[in-house]
C-alpha atoms as a PDB file:
ATOM      1  CA  MET A   1       5.640 -21.556  -1.382  1.00  0.00           C
ATOM      2  CA  ARG A   2       4.482 -17.970  -1.258  1.00  0.00           C
ATOM      3  CA  LEU A   3       1.251 -17.207   0.596  1.00  0.00           C
ATOM      4  CA  VAL A   4      -0.419 -13.801   0.284  1.00  0.00           C
ATOM      5  CA  VAL A   5      -3.253 -13.015   2.687  1.00  0.00           C
ATOM      6  CA  ILE A   6      -5.451 -10.090   1.631  1.00  0.00           C
ATOM      7  CA  SER A   7      -7.777  -8.467   4.116  1.00  0.00           C
ATOM      8  CA  GLY A   8      -9.345  -5.092   4.755  1.00  0.00           C
ATOM      9  CA  ARG A   9     -12.630  -3.323   5.107  1.00  0.00           C
ATOM     10  CA  SER A  10     -15.400  -4.117   2.643  1.00  0.00           C
ATOM     11  CA  GLY A  11     -15.345  -1.709  -0.278  1.00  0.00           C
ATOM     12  CA  SER A  12     -11.599  -1.066  -0.039  1.00  0.00           C
ATOM     13  CA  GLY A  13     -10.731  -3.220  -3.069  1.00  0.00           C
ATOM     14  CA  LYS A  14     -10.023  -6.744  -1.786  1.00  0.00           C
ATOM     15  CA  SER A  15     -11.777  -8.425  -4.723  1.00  0.00           C
ATOM     16  CA  SER A  16      -9.877  -6.311  -7.250  1.00  0.00           C
ATOM     17  CA  ALA A  17      -6.576  -7.127  -5.553  1.00  0.00           C
ATOM     18  CA  LEU A  18      -7.330 -10.854  -5.558  1.00  0.00           C
ATOM     19  CA  HIS A  19      -8.270 -10.741  -9.245  1.00  0.00           C
ATOM     20  CA  VAL A  20      -4.921  -9.119 -10.078  1.00  0.00           C
ATOM     21  CA  LEU A  21      -3.030 -11.888  -8.316  1.00  0.00           C
ATOM     22  CA  GLU A  22      -5.129 -14.514 -10.080  1.00  0.00           C
ATOM     23  CA  ASP A  23      -4.262 -12.897 -13.413  1.00  0.00           C
ATOM     24  CA  GLN A  24      -0.590 -13.103 -12.429  1.00  0.00           C
ATOM     25  CA  GLY A  25      -0.730 -16.843 -11.857  1.00  0.00           C
ATOM     26  CA  PHE A  26      -1.577 -17.095  -8.166  1.00  0.00           C
ATOM     27  CA  TYR A  27      -3.970 -19.823  -7.007  1.00  0.00           C
ATOM     28  CA  CYS A  28      -6.653 -17.676  -5.355  1.00  0.00           C
ATOM     29  CA  ILE A  29      -9.309 -18.461  -2.766  1.00  0.00           C
ATOM     30  CA  ASP A  30     -11.904 -15.862  -1.837  1.00  0.00           C
ATOM     31  CA  ASN A  31     -13.219 -15.569   1.721  1.00  0.00           C
ATOM     32  CA  LEU A  32     -11.313 -18.522   3.202  1.00  0.00           C
ATOM     33  CA  PRO A  33     -12.034 -19.202   6.897  1.00  0.00           C
ATOM     34  CA  ILE A  34      -8.844 -18.207   8.687  1.00  0.00           C
ATOM     35  CA  SER A  35      -8.830 -21.447  10.693  1.00  0.00           C
ATOM     36  CA  MET A  36      -8.307 -23.366   7.454  1.00  0.00           C
ATOM     37  CA  LEU A  37      -5.001 -21.681   6.571  1.00  0.00           C
ATOM     38  CA  PRO A  38      -2.804 -24.363   8.198  1.00  0.00           C
ATOM     39  CA  THR A  39      -4.647 -27.080   6.277  1.00  0.00           C
ATOM     40  CA  LEU A  40      -4.297 -25.140   3.048  1.00  0.00           C
ATOM     41  CA  VAL A  41      -0.533 -24.759   3.510  1.00  0.00           C
ATOM     42  CA  THR A  42      -0.084 -28.438   4.340  1.00  0.00           C
ATOM     43  CA  GLN A  43      -2.061 -29.595   1.335  1.00  0.00           C
ATOM     44  CA  THR A  44      -0.386 -27.276  -1.174  1.00  0.00           C
ATOM     45  CA  GLU A  45       3.265 -27.487  -0.070  1.00  0.00           C
ATOM     46  CA  SER A  46       3.929 -30.522  -2.303  1.00  0.00           C
ATOM     47  CA  GLU A  47       2.157 -29.101  -5.361  1.00  0.00           C
ATOM     48  CA  GLU A  48       4.647 -27.282  -7.586  1.00  0.00           C
ATOM     49  CA  LYS A  49       1.885 -25.555  -9.534  1.00  0.00           C
ATOM     50  CA  LEU A  50       0.556 -24.135  -6.242  1.00  0.00           C
ATOM     51  CA  SER A  51       3.810 -22.418  -5.304  1.00  0.00           C
ATOM     52  CA  ARG A  52       1.995 -19.052  -5.172  1.00  0.00           C
ATOM     53  CA  VAL A  53      -1.300 -18.896  -3.284  1.00  0.00           C
ATOM     54  CA  ALA A  54      -3.448 -15.890  -2.358  1.00  0.00           C
ATOM     55  CA  VAL A  55      -6.467 -15.875  -0.053  1.00  0.00           C
ATOM     56  CA  SER A  56      -8.821 -13.128   1.035  1.00  0.00           C
ATOM     57  CA  ILE A  57     -10.173 -12.931   4.563  1.00  0.00           C
ATOM     58  CA  ASP A  58     -13.017 -10.651   5.641  1.00  0.00           C
ATOM     59  CA  ALA A  59     -14.451  -9.617   8.979  1.00  0.00           C
ATOM     60  CA  ARG A  60     -16.931 -12.482   9.129  1.00  0.00           C
ATOM     61  CA  ASN A  61     -14.006 -14.897   9.400  1.00  0.00           C
ATOM     62  CA  LEU A  62     -12.614 -13.045  12.403  1.00  0.00           C
ATOM     63  CA  LEU A  63     -15.704 -12.990  14.586  1.00  0.00           C
ATOM     64  CA  HIS A  64     -14.369 -15.892  16.659  1.00  0.00           C
ATOM     65  CA  ALA A  65     -10.641 -15.640  15.956  1.00  0.00           C
ATOM     66  CA  PHE A  66      -9.438 -12.598  17.879  1.00  0.00           C
ATOM     67  CA  ASP A  67      -7.110 -14.425  20.242  1.00  0.00           C
ATOM     68  CA  ASN A  68      -5.177 -16.597  17.799  1.00  0.00           C
ATOM     69  CA  ILE A  69      -4.826 -14.609  14.566  1.00  0.00           C
ATOM     70  CA  ASP A  70      -1.104 -14.066  15.125  1.00  0.00           C
ATOM     71  CA  GLU A  71      -0.578 -17.740  15.957  1.00  0.00           C
ATOM     72  CA  ILE A  72      -2.482 -18.917  12.884  1.00  0.00           C
ATOM     73  CA  LEU A  73      -0.731 -16.569  10.484  1.00  0.00           C
ATOM     74  CA  HIS A  74       2.834 -16.888  11.737  1.00  0.00           C
ATOM     75  CA  GLN A  75       3.012 -20.493  12.959  1.00  0.00           C
ATOM     76  CA  LEU A  76       1.767 -22.258   9.847  1.00  0.00           C
ATOM     77  CA  PRO A  77       3.097 -25.830   9.400  1.00  0.00           C
ATOM     78  CA  ASN A  78       5.666 -25.144   6.708  1.00  0.00           C
ATOM     79  CA  ASP A  79       9.148 -23.733   7.291  1.00  0.00           C
ATOM     80  CA  GLU A  80       9.644 -22.920   3.623  1.00  0.00           C
ATOM     81  CA  TYR A  81       6.632 -20.698   2.952  1.00  0.00           C
ATOM     82  CA  ARG A  82       6.777 -16.921   2.680  1.00  0.00           C
ATOM     83  CA  LEU A  83       3.823 -15.059   4.155  1.00  0.00           C
ATOM     84  CA  ASP A  84       2.767 -11.544   3.123  1.00  0.00           C
ATOM     85  CA  VAL A  85      -0.253  -9.955   4.803  1.00  0.00           C
ATOM     86  CA  ILE A  86      -1.759  -7.150   2.697  1.00  0.00           C
ATOM     87  CA  TYR A  87      -4.338  -4.882   4.330  1.00  0.00           C
ATOM     88  CA  LEU A  88      -6.547  -2.538   2.290  1.00  0.00           C
ATOM     89  CA  ASP A  89      -8.439   0.370   3.792  1.00  0.00           C
ATOM     90  CA  ALA A  90     -10.176   3.606   2.842  1.00  0.00           C
ATOM     91  CA  SER A  91     -11.779   6.518   4.649  1.00  0.00           C
ATOM     92  CA  GLU A  92     -15.244   5.965   6.086  1.00  0.00           C
ATOM     93  CA  GLU A  93     -16.632   8.720   3.861  1.00  0.00           C
ATOM     94  CA  VAL A  94     -15.333   7.004   0.720  1.00  0.00           C
ATOM     95  CA  LEU A  95     -16.539   3.571   1.864  1.00  0.00           C
ATOM     96  CA  LEU A  96     -20.024   5.005   2.411  1.00  0.00           C
ATOM     97  CA  GLN A  97     -19.951   6.560  -1.052  1.00  0.00           C
ATOM     98  CA  ARG A  98     -18.835   3.311  -2.667  1.00  0.00           C
ATOM     99  CA  PHE A  99     -21.602   1.261  -1.064  1.00  0.00           C
ATOM    100  CA  SER A 100     -24.200   3.913  -1.840  1.00  0.00           C
ATOM    101  CA  SER A 101     -23.187   4.157  -5.504  1.00  0.00           C
ATOM    102  CA  THR A 102     -23.070   0.384  -6.080  1.00  0.00           C
ATOM    103  CA  ARG A 103     -26.045  -0.394  -3.797  1.00  0.00           C
ATOM    104  CA  ARG A 104     -24.173  -3.402  -2.502  1.00  0.00           C
ATOM    105  CA  LYS A 105     -25.044  -4.821   0.909  1.00  0.00           C
ATOM    106  CA  HIS A 106     -22.334  -4.576   3.522  1.00  0.00           C
ATOM    107  CA  PRO A 107     -21.613  -8.053   4.965  1.00  0.00           C
ATOM    108  CA  LEU A 108     -22.193  -6.867   8.540  1.00  0.00           C
ATOM    109  CA  THR A 109     -25.369  -4.836   8.028  1.00  0.00           C
ATOM    110  CA  SER A 110     -28.578  -6.058   9.613  1.00  0.00           C
ATOM    111  CA  PRO A 111     -32.011  -4.672  10.483  1.00  0.00           C
ATOM    112  CA  HIS A 112     -30.436  -3.424  13.703  1.00  0.00           C
ATOM    113  CA  LEU A 113     -27.160  -2.118  12.254  1.00  0.00           C
ATOM    114  CA  SER A 114     -26.845   0.802   9.822  1.00  0.00           C
ATOM    115  CA  LEU A 115     -24.240   0.955   7.065  1.00  0.00           C
ATOM    116  CA  ALA A 116     -22.150   3.508   8.969  1.00  0.00           C
ATOM    117  CA  GLU A 117     -22.299   1.391  12.135  1.00  0.00           C
ATOM    118  CA  ALA A 118     -21.340  -1.738  10.158  1.00  0.00           C
ATOM    119  CA  ILE A 119     -18.299   0.041   8.712  1.00  0.00           C
ATOM    120  CA  ASP A 120     -17.198   1.103  12.198  1.00  0.00           C
ATOM    121  CA  GLN A 121     -17.736  -2.378  13.621  1.00  0.00           C
ATOM    122  CA  GLU A 122     -15.815  -3.954  10.763  1.00  0.00           C
ATOM    123  CA  LYS A 123     -12.799  -1.775  11.521  1.00  0.00           C
ATOM    124  CA  GLU A 124     -12.781  -2.991  15.125  1.00  0.00           C
ATOM    125  CA  LEU A 125     -13.043  -6.618  14.029  1.00  0.00           C
ATOM    126  CA  LEU A 126     -10.185  -6.244  11.569  1.00  0.00           C
ATOM    127  CA  ASP A 127      -7.813  -4.335  13.860  1.00  0.00           C
ATOM    128  CA  PRO A 128      -5.908  -7.504  14.920  1.00  0.00           C
ATOM    129  CA  ILE A 129      -5.048  -8.446  11.335  1.00  0.00           C
ATOM    130  CA  ALA A 130      -4.446  -4.805  10.381  1.00  0.00           C
ATOM    131  CA  ASN A 131      -1.781  -4.645  13.091  1.00  0.00           C
ATOM    132  CA  LEU A 132      -0.043  -7.687  11.566  1.00  0.00           C
ATOM    133  CA  ALA A 133      -0.008  -6.362   8.001  1.00  0.00           C
ATOM    134  CA  ASP A 134       3.266  -6.307   6.087  1.00  0.00           C
ATOM    135  CA  LEU A 135       1.773  -3.784   3.655  1.00  0.00           C
ATOM    136  CA  THR A 136      -1.147  -1.404   4.183  1.00  0.00           C
ATOM    137  CA  LEU A 137      -2.658   0.305   1.153  1.00  0.00           C
ATOM    138  CA  ASP A 138      -4.974   3.294   1.558  1.00  0.00           C
ATOM    139  CA  THR A 139      -7.288   3.156  -1.470  1.00  0.00           C
ATOM    140  CA  THR A 140      -9.203   6.337  -0.601  1.00  0.00           C
ATOM    141  CA  ASN A 141      -7.674   8.266  -3.489  1.00  0.00           C
ATOM    142  CA  MET A 142      -7.006   5.317  -5.806  1.00  0.00           C
ATOM    143  CA  SER A 143      -8.885   4.366  -8.921  1.00  0.00           C
ATOM    144  CA  VAL A 144      -9.444   0.664  -9.591  1.00  0.00           C
ATOM    145  CA  HIS A 145      -6.806   0.882 -12.306  1.00  0.00           C
ATOM    146  CA  GLU A 146      -4.235   2.362  -9.924  1.00  0.00           C
ATOM    147  CA  LEU A 147      -4.989  -0.219  -7.230  1.00  0.00           C
ATOM    148  CA  ARG A 148      -4.505  -3.025  -9.735  1.00  0.00           C
ATOM    149  CA  SER A 149      -1.221  -1.477 -10.819  1.00  0.00           C
ATOM    150  CA  GLN A 150       0.005  -1.184  -7.219  1.00  0.00           C
ATOM    151  CA  ILE A 151      -0.873  -4.807  -6.436  1.00  0.00           C
ATOM    152  CA  LYS A 152       0.833  -6.052  -9.579  1.00  0.00           C
ATOM    153  CA  MET A 153       4.046  -4.057  -9.117  1.00  0.00           C
ATOM    154  CA  ARG A 154       4.424  -4.244  -5.341  1.00  0.00           C
ATOM    155  CA  VAL A 155       3.001  -7.681  -4.573  1.00  0.00           C
ATOM    156  CA  ALA A 156       2.769  -9.933  -7.635  1.00  0.00           C
ATOM    157  CA  ASP A 157       6.077  -8.853  -9.202  1.00  0.00           C
ATOM    158  CA  LYS A 158       7.970  -8.940  -5.920  1.00  0.00           C
ATOM    159  CA  SER A 159      10.494 -11.739  -5.475  1.00  0.00           C
ATOM    160  CA  SER A 160      10.386 -13.630  -2.188  1.00  0.00           C
ATOM    161  CA  ASN A 161      13.698 -12.222  -0.896  1.00  0.00           C
ATOM    162  CA  ASP A 162      13.321  -8.637  -2.074  1.00  0.00           C
ATOM    163  CA  ILE A 163      11.937  -5.492  -0.469  1.00  0.00           C
ATOM    164  CA  ALA A 164       9.359  -3.461  -2.371  1.00  0.00           C
ATOM    165  CA  ILE A 165       9.913   0.291  -1.984  1.00  0.00           C
ATOM    166  CA  LEU A 166       7.373   2.965  -2.889  1.00  0.00           C
ATOM    167  CA  PHE A 167       8.198   6.669  -3.011  1.00  0.00           C
ATOM    168  CA  GLU A 168       4.946   8.648  -2.800  1.00  0.00           C
ATOM    169  CA  SER A 169       4.581  12.391  -3.229  1.00  0.00           C
ATOM    170  CA  PHE A 170       1.612  14.146  -1.636  1.00  0.00           C
ATOM    171  CA  GLY A 171       0.254  17.512  -0.551  1.00  0.00           C
ATOM    172  CA  PHE A 172      -0.086  18.223   3.170  1.00  0.00           C
ATOM    173  CA  LYS A 173      -3.237  20.251   2.524  1.00  0.00           C
ATOM    174  CA  HIS A 174      -4.894  17.018   1.337  1.00  0.00           C
ATOM    175  CA  GLY A 175      -3.776  14.970   4.349  1.00  0.00           C
ATOM    176  CA  ILE A 176      -0.834  12.712   5.163  1.00  0.00           C
ATOM    177  CA  PRO A 177      -0.962   9.205   3.602  1.00  0.00           C
ATOM    178  CA  ILE A 178      -2.032   6.814   6.342  1.00  0.00           C
ATOM    179  CA  ASP A 179      -0.082   3.936   4.810  1.00  0.00           C
ATOM    180  CA  ALA A 180       3.315   5.691   4.866  1.00  0.00           C
ATOM    181  CA  ASP A 181       6.166   4.199   6.912  1.00  0.00           C
ATOM    182  CA  TYR A 182       8.195   7.421   6.769  1.00  0.00           C
ATOM    183  CA  VAL A 183       7.032  10.964   6.003  1.00  0.00           C
ATOM    184  CA  PHE A 184       9.479  13.687   4.959  1.00  0.00           C
ATOM    185  CA  ASP A 185       8.408  17.337   4.807  1.00  0.00           C
ATOM    186  CA  VAL A 186       9.985  19.402   1.993  1.00  0.00           C
ATOM    187  CA  ARG A 187       7.850  22.529   2.442  1.00  0.00           C
ATOM    188  CA  ASN A 188      10.964  24.474   3.470  1.00  0.00           C
ATOM    189  CA  LEU A 189      12.332  24.294  -0.090  1.00  0.00           C
ATOM    190  CA  PRO A 190      11.899  27.098  -2.684  1.00  0.00           C
ATOM    191  CA  ASN A 191       8.383  26.861  -4.079  1.00  0.00           C
ATOM    192  CA  PRO A 192       7.850  27.042  -7.871  1.00  0.00           C
ATOM    193  CA  TYR A 193       4.190  27.839  -7.188  1.00  0.00           C
ATOM    194  CA  TRP A 194       5.074  31.485  -6.531  1.00  0.00           C
ATOM    195  CA  ASP A 195       6.528  31.852 -10.021  1.00  0.00           C
ATOM    196  CA  PRO A 196       3.557  32.529 -12.362  1.00  0.00           C
ATOM    197  CA  GLY A 197       5.464  30.918 -15.206  1.00  0.00           C
ATOM    198  CA  LEU A 198       5.925  27.680 -13.266  1.00  0.00           C
ATOM    199  CA  ARG A 199       2.652  27.421 -11.361  1.00  0.00           C
ATOM    200  CA  ALA A 200       0.812  25.426 -14.043  1.00  0.00           C
ATOM    201  CA  HIS A 201       3.671  22.938 -14.427  1.00  0.00           C
ATOM    202  CA  THR A 202       4.429  19.972 -12.154  1.00  0.00           C
ATOM    203  CA  GLY A 203       7.599  18.436 -10.782  1.00  0.00           C
ATOM    204  CA  LEU A 204       7.571  16.056 -13.744  1.00  0.00           C
ATOM    205  CA  GLU A 205       7.972  18.857 -16.281  1.00  0.00           C
ATOM    206  CA  GLN A 206      11.224  20.398 -17.445  1.00  0.00           C
ATOM    207  CA  PRO A 207      10.662  24.027 -16.319  1.00  0.00           C
ATOM    208  CA  VAL A 208      10.130  22.923 -12.700  1.00  0.00           C
ATOM    209  CA  ILE A 209      12.902  20.311 -12.915  1.00  0.00           C
ATOM    210  CA  GLU A 210      15.357  23.004 -14.011  1.00  0.00           C
ATOM    211  CA  PHE A 211      14.162  25.459 -11.342  1.00  0.00           C
ATOM    212  CA  LEU A 212      14.511  22.983  -8.462  1.00  0.00           C
ATOM    213  CA  GLY A 213      17.631  21.389  -9.904  1.00  0.00           C
ATOM    214  CA  ASN A 214      19.410  24.758  -9.655  1.00  0.00           C
ATOM    215  CA  GLU A 215      18.528  25.249  -5.975  1.00  0.00           C
ATOM    216  CA  PRO A 216      21.328  23.997  -3.615  1.00  0.00           C
ATOM    217  CA  GLN A 217      18.882  23.461  -0.737  1.00  0.00           C
ATOM    218  CA  VAL A 218      16.893  20.971  -2.820  1.00  0.00           C
ATOM    219  CA  ALA A 219      19.930  18.813  -3.495  1.00  0.00           C
ATOM    220  CA  LEU A 220      20.955  18.941   0.176  1.00  0.00           C
ATOM    221  CA  MET A 221      17.487  17.904   1.332  1.00  0.00           C
ATOM    222  CA  LYS A 222      17.324  15.067  -1.180  1.00  0.00           C
ATOM    223  CA  ASP A 223      20.783  13.821  -0.196  1.00  0.00           C
ATOM    224  CA  ASP A 224      19.935  13.897   3.515  1.00  0.00           C
ATOM    225  CA  ILE A 225      16.725  11.912   2.977  1.00  0.00           C
ATOM    226  CA  ALA A 226      18.568   9.423   0.760  1.00  0.00           C
ATOM    227  CA  GLY A 227      21.332   9.066   3.351  1.00  0.00           C
ATOM    228  CA  PHE A 228      18.817   8.308   6.090  1.00  0.00           C
ATOM    229  CA  ILE A 229      17.102   5.663   3.956  1.00  0.00           C
ATOM    230  CA  ARG A 230      20.403   4.067   2.883  1.00  0.00           C
ATOM    231  CA  ARG A 231      21.523   3.955   6.517  1.00  0.00           C
ATOM    232  CA  TRP A 232      18.438   2.267   7.941  1.00  0.00           C
ATOM    233  CA  LEU A 233      16.858   0.278   5.109  1.00  0.00           C
ATOM    234  CA  PRO A 234      19.280  -2.680   5.472  1.00  0.00           C
ATOM    235  CA  ALA A 235      18.237  -3.003   9.115  1.00  0.00           C
ATOM    236  CA  PHE A 236      14.599  -3.323   8.055  1.00  0.00           C
ATOM    237  CA  ILE A 237      15.561  -5.933   5.469  1.00  0.00           C
ATOM    238  CA  GLU A 238      17.481  -7.910   8.105  1.00  0.00           C
ATOM    239  CA  ALA A 239      14.316  -7.807  10.237  1.00  0.00           C
ATOM    240  CA  ASN A 240      12.424  -9.454   7.326  1.00  0.00           C
ATOM    241  CA  ARG A 241      10.611  -6.285   6.312  1.00  0.00           C
ATOM    242  CA  SER A 242       9.070  -6.835   2.870  1.00  0.00           C
ATOM    243  CA  TYR A 243       7.570  -3.428   2.063  1.00  0.00           C
ATOM    244  CA  MET A 244       8.485   0.194   2.659  1.00  0.00           C
ATOM    245  CA  THR A 245       6.431   3.274   1.758  1.00  0.00           C
ATOM    246  CA  ILE A 246       8.293   6.585   1.937  1.00  0.00           C
ATOM    247  CA  ALA A 247       6.123   9.682   1.556  1.00  0.00           C
ATOM    248  CA  ILE A 248       7.484  13.069   0.488  1.00  0.00           C
ATOM    249  CA  GLY A 249       5.158  15.997   1.156  1.00  0.00           C
ATOM    250  CA  CYS A 250       4.940  19.640   0.128  1.00  0.00           C
ATOM    251  CA  THR A 251       1.992  22.012   0.361  1.00  0.00           C
ATOM    252  CA  GLY A 252      -0.028  20.984  -2.690  1.00  0.00           C
ATOM    253  CA  GLY A 253       1.781  17.882  -3.907  1.00  0.00           C
ATOM    254  CA  GLN A 254       2.443  19.332  -7.355  1.00  0.00           C
ATOM    255  CA  HIS A 255       6.038  20.561  -7.491  1.00  0.00           C
ATOM    256  CA  ARG A 256       8.644  20.044  -4.744  1.00  0.00           C
ATOM    257  CA  SER A 257       7.473  16.686  -3.406  1.00  0.00           C
ATOM    258  CA  VAL A 258       7.075  15.325  -6.935  1.00  0.00           C
ATOM    259  CA  TYR A 259      10.570  16.424  -7.917  1.00  0.00           C
ATOM    260  CA  VAL A 260      12.266  15.041  -4.778  1.00  0.00           C
ATOM    261  CA  ALA A 261      10.366  11.742  -4.954  1.00  0.00           C
ATOM    262  CA  GLU A 262      11.441  11.300  -8.575  1.00  0.00           C
ATOM    263  CA  ARG A 263      15.102  11.883  -7.731  1.00  0.00           C
ATOM    264  CA  LEU A 264      14.926   9.418  -4.836  1.00  0.00           C
ATOM    265  CA  LYS A 265      13.254   6.818  -7.012  1.00  0.00           C
ATOM    266  CA  GLU A 266      16.008   7.154  -9.614  1.00  0.00           C
ATOM    267  CA  GLU A 267      18.707   6.758  -6.970  1.00  0.00           C
ATOM    268  CA  PHE A 268      17.250   3.712  -5.242  1.00  0.00           C
ATOM    269  CA  ALA A 269      16.209   1.973  -8.451  1.00  0.00           C
ATOM    270  CA  ASP A 270      19.938   1.422  -8.997  1.00  0.00           C
ATOM    271  CA  LEU A 271      20.188  -0.328  -5.612  1.00  0.00           C
ATOM    272  CA  TYR A 272      16.985  -2.383  -5.361  1.00  0.00           C
ATOM    273  CA  SER A 273      15.016  -4.302  -7.969  1.00  0.00           C
ATOM    274  CA  ASN A 274      11.470  -3.350  -6.895  1.00  0.00           C
ATOM    275  CA  VAL A 275      11.258   0.442  -6.559  1.00  0.00           C
ATOM    276  CA  GLN A 276       8.036   2.216  -7.543  1.00  0.00           C
ATOM    277  CA  ILE A 277       6.733   5.770  -7.472  1.00  0.00           C
ATOM    278  CA  ARG A 278       3.303   7.292  -7.014  1.00  0.00           C
ATOM    279  CA  HIS A 279       2.289  10.941  -7.160  1.00  0.00           C
ATOM    280  CA  ARG A 280      -0.940  10.974  -5.186  1.00  0.00           C
ATOM    281  CA  GLU A 281      -2.237  14.400  -6.138  1.00  0.00           C
ATOM    282  CA  LEU A 282      -1.242  14.044  -9.795  1.00  0.00           C
ATOM    283  CA  SER A 283      -2.992  10.663  -9.916  1.00  0.00           C
ATOM    284  CA  ASN A 284      -6.139  12.301  -8.562  1.00  0.00           C
ATOM    285  CA  GLN A 285      -6.040  14.865 -11.366  1.00  0.00           C
ATOM    286  CA  GLU A 286      -5.671  12.130 -14.006  1.00  0.00           C
ATOM    287  CA  SER A 287      -8.583  10.135 -12.649  1.00  0.00           C
END
């Protein structure tokens, strides 16, 4: 049995993530009380058609469960289940914008608690489960379409004994991805931005690919990053790590980081079955 627990702050995309898993054949339960997880596992372990189950848990379920979240999640009564805890989050500014635009009511708001205060309180309530997450996704800069794609590729399509690897390019001037496990800085490499003929192109386009491909430092940097990952990734797999997000950053996230992330993705796709790529700043332009 595979059990996926989805949690996160309201407005971060939990419902969208659960809908993706339902579309992919998971038996889904929205807003399940966390205390009922052991019963759910016991009752579904003999049902072949319920071999993949996903549940969402929000802050209201954790109001009285601070002390035993770890025990409930990791001591469920079934030795043959595989548990993945997925935590979704977004910046407070974006969460405020999302609630304001949809005019939805935050589950923790009250006559004595403003929306901003509810968002802050929810983060504190969810910290215990956030600290247990196998995969954290920052949806601040994601469209609904991109979130659905990430959930499908990294969670739904992932086999139970495989590690899902994401190479993500980004620009330091837009902030470091908060969901990255490793961050590599490639701002020391030759920058195509300073060539007027290359500035408008990205690391996905042939002029920039040729420029960076002819620079020895770029190949050395890529090989060193790849060597580090190859050296240590098996240790994470042996420790039952299911997800790994590796972020590659340059100044604007348009050229060098995109190019290096693409080369790393190509290399590791030959070694592992679930390797994905995301170019954060290019995705923002498309959306």
